[in-house]
PDB file of N, CA and C in Angstrom:
ATOM      1  N   MET A   1     236.728 221.637 149.305  1.00  0.00           N
ATOM      2  CA  MET A   1     236.544 220.306 149.834  1.00  0.00           C
ATOM      3  C   MET A   1     235.731 219.489 148.836  1.00  0.00           C
ATOM      4  N   LYS A   2     236.009 218.193 148.760  1.00  0.00           N
ATOM      5  CA  LYS A   2     235.270 217.310 147.864  1.00  0.00           C
ATOM      6  C   LYS A   2     234.271 216.467 148.649  1.00  0.00           C
ATOM      7  N   TYR A   3     233.129 216.247 148.006  1.00  0.00           N
ATOM      8  CA  TYR A   3     232.077 215.420 148.574  1.00  0.00           C
ATOM      9  C   TYR A   3     231.651 214.396 147.537  1.00  0.00           C
ATOM     10  N   GLN A   4     231.257 213.228 148.012  1.00  0.00           N
ATOM     11  CA  GLN A   4     230.719 212.210 147.118  1.00  0.00           C
ATOM     12  C   GLN A   4     229.249 212.023 147.426  1.00  0.00           C
ATOM     13  N   ALA A   5     228.435 212.145 146.385  1.00  0.00           N
ATOM     14  CA  ALA A   5     226.993 211.938 146.523  1.00  0.00           C
ATOM     15  C   ALA A   5     226.624 210.625 145.848  1.00  0.00           C
ATOM     16  N   GLU A   6     225.849 209.821 146.534  1.00  0.00           N
ATOM     17  CA  GLU A   6     225.283 208.591 145.979  1.00  0.00           C
ATOM     18  C   GLU A   6     223.798 208.868 145.813  1.00  0.00           C
ATOM     19  N   ILE A   7     223.351 208.949 144.557  1.00  0.00           N
ATOM     20  CA  ILE A   7     222.000 209.399 144.237  1.00  0.00           C
ATOM     21  C   ILE A   7     221.189 208.247 143.659  1.00  0.00           C
ATOM     22  N   ASN A   8     219.973 208.080 144.152  1.00  0.00           N
ATOM     23  CA  ASN A   8     219.027 207.123 143.586  1.00  0.00           C
ATOM     24  C   ASN A   8     217.855 207.903 143.009  1.00  0.00           C
ATOM     25  N   VAL A   9     217.565 207.644 141.739  1.00  0.00           N
ATOM     26  CA  VAL A   9     216.423 208.250 141.062  1.00  0.00           C
ATOM     27  C   VAL A   9     215.448 207.124 140.755  1.00  0.00           C
ATOM     28  N   MET A  10     214.215 207.267 141.230  1.00  0.00           N
ATOM     29  CA  MET A  10     213.213 206.210 141.081  1.00  0.00           C
ATOM     30  C   MET A  10     211.908 206.780 140.547  1.00  0.00           C
ATOM     31  N   PRO A  11     211.108 205.942 139.881  1.00  0.00           N
ATOM     32  CA  PRO A  11     209.792 206.418 139.450  1.00  0.00           C
ATOM     33  C   PRO A  11     208.921 206.692 140.671  1.00  0.00           C
ATOM     34  N   LEU A  12     208.053 207.676 140.557  1.00  0.00           N
ATOM     35  CA  LEU A  12     207.126 207.968 141.650  1.00  0.00           C
ATOM     36  C   LEU A  12     206.315 206.726 141.987  1.00  0.00           C
ATOM     37  N   LYS A  13     206.070 206.509 143.257  1.00  0.00           N
ATOM     38  CA  LYS A  13     205.366 205.313 143.708  1.00  0.00           C
ATOM     39  C   LYS A  13     203.948 205.232 143.141  1.00  0.00           C
ATOM     40  N   GLU A  14     203.341 206.379 142.841  1.00  0.00           N
ATOM     41  CA  GLU A  14     201.970 206.410 142.343  1.00  0.00           C
ATOM     42  C   GLU A  14     201.869 205.995 140.881  1.00  0.00           C
ATOM     43  N   LEU A  15     202.997 205.964 140.170  1.00  0.00           N
ATOM     44  CA  LEU A  15     202.980 205.699 138.736  1.00  0.00           C
ATOM     45  C   LEU A  15     203.353 204.262 138.429  1.00  0.00           C
ATOM     46  N   LEU A  16     202.785 203.753 137.349  1.00  0.00           N
ATOM     47  CA  LEU A  16     203.136 202.437 136.849  1.00  0.00           C
ATOM     48  C   LEU A  16     204.592 202.451 136.388  1.00  0.00           C
ATOM     49  N   ASP A  17     205.314 201.385 136.676  1.00  0.00           N
ATOM     50  CA  ASP A  17     206.708 201.255 136.255  1.00  0.00           C
ATOM     51  C   ASP A  17     206.797 200.128 135.231  1.00  0.00           C
ATOM     52  N   PRO A  18     206.690 200.440 133.932  1.00  0.00           N
ATOM     53  CA  PRO A  18     206.689 199.386 132.917  1.00  0.00           C
ATOM     54  C   PRO A  18     207.969 198.543 132.913  1.00  0.00           C
ATOM     55  N   GLN A  19     209.117 199.160 133.189  1.00  0.00           N
ATOM     56  CA  GLN A  19     210.360 198.378 133.254  1.00  0.00           C
ATOM     57  C   GLN A  19     210.303 197.390 134.415  1.00  0.00           C
ATOM     58  N   GLY A  20     209.801 197.838 135.543  1.00  0.00           N
ATOM     59  CA  GLY A  20     209.670 196.957 136.699  1.00  0.00           C
ATOM     60  C   GLY A  20     208.740 195.792 136.414  1.00  0.00           C
ATOM     61  N   LYS A  21     207.622 196.068 135.735  1.00  0.00           N
ATOM     62  CA  LYS A  21     206.674 195.001 135.381  1.00  0.00           C
ATOM     63  C   LYS A  21     207.328 193.994 134.444  1.00  0.00           C
ATOM     64  N   ALA A  22     208.146 194.478 133.495  1.00  0.00           N
ATOM     65  CA  ALA A  22     208.843 193.571 132.578  1.00  0.00           C
ATOM     66  C   ALA A  22     209.828 192.685 133.338  1.00  0.00           C
ATOM     67  N   VAL A  23     210.509 193.246 134.332  1.00  0.00           N
ATOM     68  CA  VAL A  23     211.446 192.459 135.136  1.00  0.00           C
ATOM     69  C   VAL A  23     210.693 191.393 135.924  1.00  0.00           C
ATOM     70  N   VAL A  24     209.561 191.751 136.524  1.00  0.00           N
ATOM     71  CA  VAL A  24     208.761 190.771 137.274  1.00  0.00           C
ATOM     72  C   VAL A  24     208.336 189.636 136.346  1.00  0.00           C
ATOM     73  N   SER A  25     207.918 189.970 135.140  1.00  0.00           N
ATOM     74  CA  SER A  25     207.518 188.948 134.173  1.00  0.00           C
ATOM     75  C   SER A  25     208.686 188.017 133.848  1.00  0.00           C
ATOM     76  N   GLY A  26     209.860 188.586 133.633  1.00  0.00           N
ATOM     77  CA  GLY A  26     211.045 187.778 133.370  1.00  0.00           C
ATOM     78  C   GLY A  26     211.410 186.883 134.533  1.00  0.00           C
ATOM     79  N   LEU A  27     211.268 187.403 135.736  1.00  0.00           N
ATOM     80  CA  LEU A  27     211.567 186.602 136.925  1.00  0.00           C
ATOM     81  C   LEU A  27     210.596 185.437 137.069  1.00  0.00           C
ATOM     82  N   LYS A  28     209.333 185.668 136.731  1.00  0.00           N
ATOM     83  CA  LYS A  28     208.346 184.578 136.783  1.00  0.00           C
ATOM     84  C   LYS A  28     208.724 183.487 135.788  1.00  0.00           C
ATOM     85  N   ASN A  29     209.252 183.882 134.615  1.00  0.00           N
ATOM     86  CA  ASN A  29     209.716 182.896 133.633  1.00  0.00           C
ATOM     87  C   ASN A  29     210.894 182.086 134.161  1.00  0.00           C
ATOM     88  N   LEU A  30     211.606 182.617 135.138  1.00  0.00           N
ATOM     89  CA  LEU A  30     212.730 181.906 135.775  1.00  0.00           C
ATOM     90  C   LEU A  30     212.284 181.163 137.031  1.00  0.00           C
ATOM     91  N   ASN A  31     210.965 181.014 137.190  1.00  0.00           N
ATOM     92  CA  ASN A  31     210.378 180.345 138.364  1.00  0.00           C
ATOM     93  C   ASN A  31     210.693 181.073 139.663  1.00  0.00           C
ATOM     94  N   LEU A  32     210.782 182.391 139.599  1.00  0.00           N
ATOM     95  CA  LEU A  32     210.990 183.205 140.793  1.00  0.00           C
ATOM     96  C   LEU A  32     209.717 184.002 141.081  1.00  0.00           C
ATOM     97  N   SER A  33     208.604 183.289 141.168  1.00  0.00           N
ATOM     98  CA  SER A  33     207.302 183.942 141.317  1.00  0.00           C
ATOM     99  C   SER A  33     207.091 184.550 142.704  1.00  0.00           C
ATOM    100  N   ALA A  34     207.978 184.270 143.647  1.00  0.00           N
ATOM    101  CA  ALA A  34     207.856 184.880 144.980  1.00  0.00           C
ATOM    102  C   ALA A  34     208.205 186.367 144.929  1.00  0.00           C
ATOM    103  N   ILE A  35     208.909 186.790 143.887  1.00  0.00           N
ATOM    104  CA  ILE A  35     209.221 188.215 143.699  1.00  0.00           C
ATOM    105  C   ILE A  35     208.039 188.827 142.961  1.00  0.00           C
ATOM    106  N   THR A  36     207.300 189.703 143.627  1.00  0.00           N
ATOM    107  CA  THR A  36     206.037 190.186 143.077  1.00  0.00           C
ATOM    108  C   THR A  36     206.056 191.649 142.649  1.00  0.00           C
ATOM    109  N   ASP A  37     207.081 192.401 143.041  1.00  0.00           N
ATOM    110  CA  ASP A  37     207.114 193.809 142.655  1.00  0.00           C
ATOM    111  C   ASP A  37     208.565 194.250 142.492  1.00  0.00           C
ATOM    112  N   VAL A  38     208.826 194.944 141.409  1.00  0.00           N
ATOM    113  CA  VAL A  38     210.152 195.490 141.131  1.00  0.00           C
ATOM    114  C   VAL A  38     209.969 196.918 140.644  1.00  0.00           C
ATOM    115  N   ARG A  39     210.781 197.818 141.140  1.00  0.00           N
ATOM    116  CA  ARG A  39     210.829 199.199 140.647  1.00  0.00           C
ATOM    117  C   ARG A  39     212.217 199.402 140.069  1.00  0.00           C
ATOM    118  N   VAL A  40     212.298 199.897 138.850  1.00  0.00           N
ATOM    119  CA  VAL A  40     213.580 200.105 138.173  1.00  0.00           C
ATOM    120  C   VAL A  40     213.881 201.598 138.151  1.00  0.00           C
ATOM    121  N   GLY A  41     215.066 201.950 138.590  1.00  0.00           N
ATOM    122  CA  GLY A  41     215.496 203.341 138.604  1.00  0.00           C
ATOM    123  C   GLY A  41     216.942 203.421 138.151  1.00  0.00           C
ATOM    124  N   LYS A  42     217.616 204.464 138.603  1.00  0.00           N
ATOM    125  CA  LYS A  42     219.024 204.609 138.264  1.00  0.00           C
ATOM    126  C   LYS A  42     219.793 205.092 139.491  1.00  0.00           C
ATOM    127  N   HIS A  43     221.062 204.714 139.515  1.00  0.00           N
ATOM    128  CA  HIS A  43     221.956 205.108 140.601  1.00  0.00           C
ATOM    129  C   HIS A  43     223.100 205.904 139.991  1.00  0.00           C
ATOM    130  N   LEU A  44     223.407 207.048 140.600  1.00  0.00           N
ATOM    131  CA  LEU A  44     224.504 207.887 140.131  1.00  0.00           C
ATOM    132  C   LEU A  44     225.443 208.159 141.300  1.00  0.00           C
ATOM    133  N   SER A  45     226.721 208.160 141.010  1.00  0.00           N
ATOM    134  CA  SER A  45     227.740 208.517 141.990  1.00  0.00           C
ATOM    135  C   SER A  45     228.445 209.762 141.466  1.00  0.00           C
ATOM    136  N   ILE A  46     228.407 210.832 142.249  1.00  0.00           N
ATOM    137  CA  ILE A  46     228.926 212.123 141.788  1.00  0.00           C
ATOM    138  C   ILE A  46     229.919 212.674 142.811  1.00  0.00           C
ATOM    139  N   ILE A  47     231.025 213.210 142.315  1.00  0.00           N
ATOM    140  CA  ILE A  47     231.976 213.944 143.158  1.00  0.00           C
ATOM    141  C   ILE A  47     231.740 215.425 142.902  1.00  0.00           C
ATOM    142  N   VAL A  48     231.589 216.191 143.969  1.00  0.00           N
ATOM    143  CA  VAL A  48     231.352 217.630 143.836  1.00  0.00           C
ATOM    144  C   VAL A  48     232.341 218.378 144.727  1.00  0.00           C
ATOM    145  N   GLU A  49     232.860 219.469 144.214  1.00  0.00           N
ATOM    146  CA  GLU A  49     233.719 220.338 145.018  1.00  0.00           C
ATOM    147  C   GLU A  49     232.868 221.485 145.533  1.00  0.00           C
ATOM    148  N   ALA A  50     232.954 221.724 146.833  1.00  0.00           N
ATOM    149  CA  ALA A  50     232.146 222.774 147.454  1.00  0.00           C
ATOM    150  C   ALA A  50     232.855 223.290 148.699  1.00  0.00           C
ATOM    151  N   ASP A  51     232.493 224.512 149.106  1.00  0.00           N
ATOM    152  CA  ASP A  51     233.093 225.114 150.298  1.00  0.00           C
ATOM    153  C   ASP A  51     232.648 224.428 151.578  1.00  0.00           C
ATOM    154  N   ASN A  52     231.399 223.899 151.565  1.00  0.00           N
ATOM    155  CA  ASN A  52     230.855 223.253 152.755  1.00  0.00           C
ATOM    156  C   ASN A  52     229.747 222.296 152.334  1.00  0.00           C
ATOM    157  N   GLU A  53     229.218 221.558 153.298  1.00  0.00           N
ATOM    158  CA  GLU A  53     228.191 220.555 153.007  1.00  0.00           C
ATOM    159  C   GLU A  53     226.911 221.189 152.463  1.00  0.00           C
ATOM    160  N   THR A  54     226.531 222.335 152.996  1.00  0.00           N
ATOM    161  CA  THR A  54     225.326 223.005 152.524  1.00  0.00           C
ATOM    162  C   THR A  54     225.440 223.353 151.048  1.00  0.00           C
ATOM    163  N   ASP A  55     226.587 223.887 150.648  1.00  0.00           N
ATOM    164  CA  ASP A  55     226.808 224.219 149.237  1.00  0.00           C
ATOM    165  C   ASP A  55     226.802 222.961 148.374  1.00  0.00           C
ATOM    166  N   ALA A  56     227.397 221.896 148.856  1.00  0.00           N
ATOM    167  CA  ALA A  56     227.409 220.633 148.107  1.00  0.00           C
ATOM    168  C   ALA A  56     225.983 220.119 147.918  1.00  0.00           C
ATOM    169  N   ARG A  57     225.172 220.184 148.973  1.00  0.00           N
ATOM    170  CA  ARG A  57     223.777 219.732 148.868  1.00  0.00           C
ATOM    171  C   ARG A  57     222.989 220.593 147.883  1.00  0.00           C
ATOM    172  N   GLU A  58     223.242 221.888 147.887  1.00  0.00           N
ATOM    173  CA  GLU A  58     222.548 222.775 146.943  1.00  0.00           C
ATOM    174  C   GLU A  58     222.911 222.406 145.506  1.00  0.00           C
ATOM    175  N   GLN A  59     224.183 222.100 145.261  1.00  0.00           N
ATOM    176  CA  GLN A  59     224.607 221.722 143.917  1.00  0.00           C
ATOM    177  C   GLN A  59     223.980 220.403 143.483  1.00  0.00           C
ATOM    178  N   ILE A  60     223.945 219.439 144.394  1.00  0.00           N
ATOM    179  CA  ILE A  60     223.345 218.138 144.072  1.00  0.00           C
ATOM    180  C   ILE A  60     221.848 218.297 143.821  1.00  0.00           C
ATOM    181  N   ASP A  61     221.162 219.073 144.668  1.00  0.00           N
ATOM    182  CA  ASP A  61     219.730 219.298 144.460  1.00  0.00           C
ATOM    183  C   ASP A  61     219.460 219.964 143.115  1.00  0.00           C
ATOM    184  N   THR A  62     220.272 220.939 142.753  1.00  0.00           N
ATOM    185  CA  THR A  62     220.105 221.612 141.461  1.00  0.00           C
ATOM    186  C   THR A  62     220.313 220.629 140.315  1.00  0.00           C
ATOM    187  N   ALA A  63     221.356 219.827 140.393  1.00  0.00           N
ATOM    188  CA  ALA A  63     221.629 218.841 139.343  1.00  0.00           C
ATOM    189  C   ALA A  63     220.473 217.852 139.205  1.00  0.00           C
ATOM    190  N   CYS A  64     219.956 217.400 140.330  1.00  0.00           N
ATOM    191  CA  CYS A  64     218.855 216.435 140.291  1.00  0.00           C
ATOM    192  C   CYS A  64     217.578 217.072 139.747  1.00  0.00           C
ATOM    193  N   ASN A  65     217.256 218.256 140.227  1.00  0.00           N
ATOM    194  CA  ASN A  65     216.014 218.907 139.813  1.00  0.00           C
ATOM    195  C   ASN A  65     216.029 219.361 138.362  1.00  0.00           C
ATOM    196  N   LYS A  66     217.195 219.730 137.847  1.00  0.00           N
ATOM    197  CA  LYS A  66     217.257 220.296 136.502  1.00  0.00           C
ATOM    198  C   LYS A  66     217.700 219.305 135.429  1.00  0.00           C
ATOM    199  N   LEU A  67     218.342 218.189 135.823  1.00  0.00           N
ATOM    200  CA  LEU A  67     218.867 217.289 134.805  1.00  0.00           C
ATOM    201  C   LEU A  67     218.688 215.806 135.130  1.00  0.00           C
ATOM    202  N   LEU A  68     219.056 215.385 136.314  1.00  0.00           N
ATOM    203  CA  LEU A  68     219.157 213.960 136.596  1.00  0.00           C
ATOM    204  C   LEU A  68     217.824 213.268 136.830  1.00  0.00           C
ATOM    205  N   ALA A  69     216.843 213.995 137.332  1.00  0.00           N
ATOM    206  CA  ALA A  69     215.520 213.405 137.602  1.00  0.00           C
ATOM    207  C   ALA A  69     214.445 214.262 136.948  1.00  0.00           C
ATOM    208  N   ASN A  70     213.419 213.600 136.466  1.00  0.00           N
ATOM    209  CA  ASN A  70     212.256 214.300 135.931  1.00  0.00           C
ATOM    210  C   ASN A  70     211.220 214.364 137.043  1.00  0.00           C
ATOM    211  N   PRO A  71     211.036 215.520 137.685  1.00  0.00           N
ATOM    212  CA  PRO A  71     210.160 215.592 138.867  1.00  0.00           C
ATOM    213  C   PRO A  71     208.693 215.270 138.578  1.00  0.00           C
ATOM    214  N   VAL A  72     208.299 215.245 137.318  1.00  0.00           N
ATOM    215  CA  VAL A  72     206.919 214.889 136.974  1.00  0.00           C
ATOM    216  C   VAL A  72     206.680 213.397 137.197  1.00  0.00           C
ATOM    217  N   ILE A  73     207.707 212.574 136.949  1.00  0.00           N
ATOM    218  CA  ILE A  73     207.525 211.125 137.041  1.00  0.00           C
ATOM    219  C   ILE A  73     208.527 210.429 137.969  1.00  0.00           C
ATOM    220  N   GLU A  74     209.504 211.175 138.518  1.00  0.00           N
ATOM    221  CA  GLU A  74     210.540 210.558 139.339  1.00  0.00           C
ATOM    222  C   GLU A  74     210.797 211.368 140.604  1.00  0.00           C
ATOM    223  N   TYR A  75     211.343 210.687 141.589  1.00  0.00           N
ATOM    224  CA  TYR A  75     211.847 211.364 142.780  1.00  0.00           C
ATOM    225  C   TYR A  75     213.296 210.919 142.976  1.00  0.00           C
ATOM    226  N   TYR A  76     214.022 211.657 143.784  1.00  0.00           N
ATOM    227  CA  TYR A  76     215.409 211.285 144.049  1.00  0.00           C
ATOM    228  C   TYR A  76     215.688 211.379 145.543  1.00  0.00           C
ATOM    229  N   GLU A  77     216.686 210.653 145.955  1.00  0.00           N
ATOM    230  CA  GLU A  77     217.213 210.735 147.319  1.00  0.00           C
ATOM    231  C   GLU A  77     218.705 210.470 147.218  1.00  0.00           C
ATOM    232  N   TYR A  78     219.436 211.009 148.172  1.00  0.00           N
ATOM    233  CA  TYR A  78     220.889 210.831 148.104  1.00  0.00           C
ATOM    234  C   TYR A  78     221.512 210.889 149.488  1.00  0.00           C
ATOM    235  N   SER A  79     222.716 210.334 149.537  1.00  0.00           N
ATOM    236  CA  SER A  79     223.560 210.490 150.727  1.00  0.00           C
ATOM    237  C   SER A  79     224.787 211.250 150.290  1.00  0.00           C
ATOM    238  N   LEU A  80     225.373 211.975 151.223  1.00  0.00           N
ATOM    239  CA  LEU A  80     226.535 212.814 150.918  1.00  0.00           C
ATOM    240  C   LEU A  80     227.618 212.520 151.935  1.00  0.00           C
ATOM    241  N   GLN A  81     228.838 212.338 151.445  1.00  0.00           N
ATOM    242  CA  GLN A  81     229.958 212.024 152.322  1.00  0.00           C
ATOM    243  C   GLN A  81     231.156 212.903 151.944  1.00  0.00           C
ATOM    244  N   ALA A  82     231.768 213.508 152.939  1.00  0.00           N
ATOM    245  CA  ALA A  82     232.976 214.295 152.703  1.00  0.00           C
ATOM    246  C   ALA A  82     234.142 213.358 152.406  1.00  0.00           C
ATOM    247  N   LEU A  83     234.943 213.737 151.423  1.00  0.00           N
ATOM    248  CA  LEU A  83     236.130 212.962 151.063  1.00  0.00           C
ATOM    249  C   LEU A  83     237.362 213.686 151.599  1.00  0.00           C
ATOM    250  N   ASN A  84     238.330 212.935 152.015  1.00  0.00           N
ATOM    251  CA  ASN A  84     239.582 213.520 152.523  1.00  0.00           C
ATOM    252  C   ASN A  84     240.647 213.496 151.477  1.00  0.00           C
TER     253      ASN A  84
END
């Protein structure tokens, strides 16, 4: 069975996000000073083949923990949907 995972990888909330700060600065230059905080991360869409949802989640967790996210400075969250 195939599953589609939509994964968001973001910097840990406790850490400074220099990319986010740069975006806020750029927005202020565009007179959008009402926007006061931006966090920049990445979004990944992955198709995985697995026997069941539990196996698909294990594969996604392994991919995120070992390659897609750096657990020292980032966290991830995802949704999983079975494809027909």
